[in-house]
Amino acid sequence: MRRLFINTCLATAMLFGTAHAGFAAEKQKYFFMFFSNPVKGHEKDYLHWYTGQHIHDLLNIDGIVAAQFYELGDQQFYGTHPQKYMMIWEIETTDLKSAFDRVKKGLATGTTVTKDSFLDNDTGNSMTFTPITNRVTQDEVLGKSVDQVRSIATEGQVTSADN
């Protein structure tokens, strides 16, 4: 089960990255999302581990800079979702593979604790994204044209649309 967890976390990571021209060693920001469920009857243990031990362990790995845990909302705009929980890890690194290798090493050596007894690895799924726009707020766009909003969203970013 641990191997399945590791493989799910690492092998299914989908990278949507863009390089910043001229800055080979510049850190890039990634959002690693892991979707999961507890083993039936072990939700309390799962939540206790995820909200404490797991956040503690992963934020002590170089490159992982922030984390936030989410529960699926009662109302969804579209579709159904098999996982009830999502963790978003913010990663800042020049080498995403090395950051994932550090996570894998922690899982293998036990410095990153995981428990098959309450984490349902069969339902886990992960994806990794990197932003292609700036974070834009409602206050920033009020009264602005579409072109002005695009300028705010893409200032300083290199996207595939630029190529």
Protein backbone atom coordinates (compact mmCIF):
# COMPACT_ATOMS: atom_id res chain seq x y z
CA MET A 1 0.00 0.00 0.00
CA ARG A 2 2.85 2.42 0.81
CA ARG A 3 4.34 1.81 -2.65
CA LEU A 4 0.94 2.54 -4.22
CA PHE A 5 0.75 5.77 -2.22
CA ILE A 6 4.24 6.82 -3.33
CA ASN A 7 3.56 5.91 -6.95
CA THR A 8 0.23 7.73 -6.91
CA CYS A 9 1.87 10.84 -5.48
CA LEU A 10 4.81 10.84 -7.84
CA ALA A 11 4.07 8.91 -11.01
CA THR A 12 0.71 10.51 -11.78
CA ALA A 13 1.92 14.05 -11.24
CA MET A 14 0.96 16.09 -14.29
CA LEU A 15 3.29 19.01 -14.92
CA PHE A 16 1.94 22.07 -16.62
CA GLY A 17 5.02 24.29 -16.37
CA THR A 18 6.40 27.19 -18.29
CA ALA A 19 10.01 28.21 -18.20
CA HIS A 20 10.98 31.77 -17.45
CA ALA A 21 13.19 32.71 -20.38
CA GLY A 22 16.76 33.56 -19.42
CA PHE A 23 16.50 32.40 -15.79
CA ALA A 24 17.50 28.72 -15.78
CA ALA A 25 18.01 28.60 -12.00
CA GLU A 26 14.96 30.69 -11.07
CA LYS A 27 12.61 28.93 -8.68
CA GLN A 28 9.23 28.05 -10.08
CA LYS A 29 6.06 27.72 -8.08
CA TYR A 30 3.98 24.55 -8.25
CA PHE A 31 0.72 23.47 -6.66
CA PHE A 32 0.66 19.75 -5.89
CA MET A 33 -2.89 18.57 -5.21
CA PHE A 34 -3.49 15.23 -3.57
CA PHE A 35 -7.06 13.95 -3.46
CA SER A 36 -7.86 11.19 -0.96
CA ASN A 37 -10.30 9.41 1.30
CA PRO A 38 -9.91 7.78 4.69
CA VAL A 39 -10.32 4.04 5.12
CA LYS A 40 -13.92 3.42 6.21
CA GLY A 41 -14.23 3.72 9.98
CA HIS A 42 -10.89 5.55 10.35
CA GLU A 43 -11.80 9.13 9.43
CA LYS A 44 -10.89 10.51 12.88
CA ASP A 45 -7.37 8.97 12.68
CA TYR A 46 -7.00 10.13 9.08
CA LEU A 47 -7.95 13.74 9.90
CA HIS A 48 -5.72 13.75 13.00
CA TRP A 49 -2.74 12.54 10.93
CA TYR A 50 -3.39 14.77 7.92
CA THR A 51 -3.91 18.01 9.89
CA GLY A 52 -0.86 17.52 12.10
CA GLN A 53 1.73 14.84 11.38
CA HIS A 54 1.57 14.99 7.58
CA ILE A 55 1.68 18.78 7.35
CA HIS A 56 4.54 18.81 9.87
CA ASP A 57 6.55 16.19 7.98
CA LEU A 58 6.17 17.61 4.50
CA LEU A 59 6.78 21.24 5.47
CA ASN A 60 10.14 20.09 6.81
CA ILE A 61 11.16 18.99 3.30
CA ASP A 62 13.17 21.52 1.30
CA GLY A 63 11.06 23.04 -1.48
CA ILE A 64 7.66 22.52 0.12
CA VAL A 65 6.74 25.95 1.42
CA ALA A 66 3.04 25.80 2.36
CA ALA A 67 0.07 23.48 2.74
CA GLN A 68 -3.68 23.68 3.12
CA PHE A 69 -6.20 20.86 3.64
CA TYR A 70 -9.71 20.95 2.16
CA GLU A 71 -12.95 19.00 2.48
CA LEU A 72 -15.28 18.57 -0.50
CA GLY A 73 -18.16 21.05 -0.32
CA ASP A 74 -21.79 19.98 -0.13
CA GLN A 75 -22.62 21.73 -3.42
CA GLN A 76 -20.65 21.21 -6.64
CA PHE A 77 -20.94 23.24 -9.82
CA TYR A 78 -20.39 20.29 -12.12
CA GLY A 79 -19.83 16.55 -11.83
CA THR A 80 -19.20 14.19 -8.98
CA HIS A 81 -15.95 13.63 -7.13
CA PRO A 82 -14.87 10.32 -5.60
CA GLN A 83 -12.45 11.89 -3.12
CA LYS A 84 -13.75 13.77 -0.08
CA TYR A 85 -10.48 15.52 0.82
CA MET A 86 -7.78 17.49 -0.97
CA MET A 87 -4.42 18.73 0.25
CA ILE A 88 -2.66 21.45 -1.70
CA TRP A 89 1.08 21.65 -1.24
CA GLU A 90 2.86 24.74 -2.53
CA ILE A 91 6.29 23.87 -3.87
CA GLU A 92 8.97 26.38 -4.85
CA THR A 93 12.00 24.85 -6.52
CA THR A 94 14.32 24.93 -9.50
CA ASP A 95 13.99 21.14 -9.82
CA LEU A 96 10.57 19.59 -9.19
CA LYS A 97 11.84 16.03 -9.67
CA SER A 98 14.36 16.53 -6.85
CA ALA A 99 11.63 17.91 -4.59
CA PHE A 100 9.51 14.82 -5.29
CA ASP A 101 12.57 12.62 -4.72
CA ARG A 102 12.96 14.20 -1.25
CA VAL A 103 9.31 13.37 -0.49
CA LYS A 104 9.81 9.81 -1.76
CA LYS A 105 12.93 9.42 0.40
CA GLY A 106 11.04 10.67 3.47
CA LEU A 107 8.27 8.16 2.86
CA ALA A 108 10.79 5.35 2.33
CA THR A 109 12.86 6.16 5.45
CA GLY A 110 9.94 6.96 7.74
CA THR A 111 10.79 10.63 8.29
CA THR A 112 7.53 11.30 6.48
CA VAL A 113 4.92 9.18 8.25
CA THR A 114 2.00 7.62 6.40
CA LYS A 115 -0.43 4.99 7.58
CA ASP A 116 -2.08 2.45 5.30
CA SER A 117 -4.46 1.69 8.16
CA PHE A 118 -6.40 4.92 7.66
CA LEU A 119 -5.35 6.40 4.29
CA ASP A 120 -7.24 4.69 1.45
CA ASN A 121 -4.48 4.53 -1.16
CA ASP A 122 -6.82 2.91 -3.69
CA THR A 123 -8.77 6.17 -4.04
CA GLY A 124 -5.80 8.57 -4.01
CA ASN A 125 -5.05 10.76 -7.00
CA SER A 126 -2.65 13.64 -7.55
CA MET A 127 -1.82 16.42 -10.00
CA THR A 128 0.81 19.13 -10.09
CA PHE A 129 0.28 22.51 -11.72
CA THR A 130 2.30 25.69 -12.05
CA PRO A 131 0.55 29.05 -12.44
CA ILE A 132 0.49 30.70 -15.86
CA THR A 133 -1.20 33.86 -14.63
CA ASN A 134 -0.86 36.03 -11.60
CA ARG A 135 -3.47 35.74 -8.87
CA VAL A 136 -6.10 38.35 -9.76
CA THR A 137 -8.74 39.69 -7.37
CA GLN A 138 -12.14 41.16 -8.01
CA ASP A 139 -10.97 44.54 -6.70
CA GLU A 140 -8.18 44.60 -9.29
CA VAL A 141 -10.53 44.11 -12.24
CA LEU A 142 -13.52 46.28 -11.32
CA GLY A 143 -14.08 48.77 -14.12
CA LYS A 144 -11.30 47.32 -16.30
CA SER A 145 -11.58 46.09 -19.89
CA VAL A 146 -10.82 42.50 -20.91
CA ASP A 147 -7.43 43.59 -22.31
CA GLN A 148 -6.57 45.42 -19.07
CA VAL A 149 -7.49 42.30 -17.06
CA ARG A 150 -5.34 40.14 -19.36
CA SER A 151 -2.45 42.53 -18.78
CA ILE A 152 -2.88 42.30 -14.99
CA ALA A 153 -3.16 38.50 -15.13
CA THR A 154 -0.14 37.93 -17.35
CA GLU A 155 2.29 40.68 -16.28
CA GLY A 156 5.68 39.04 -15.84
CA GLN A 157 4.41 35.58 -16.88
CA VAL A 158 5.43 33.53 -19.91
CA THR A 159 2.62 31.32 -21.22
CA SER A 160 2.23 28.86 -24.09
CA ALA A 161 -0.03 31.46 -25.78
CA ASP A 162 3.08 33.68 -26.16
CA ASN A 163 4.90 31.10 -28.28
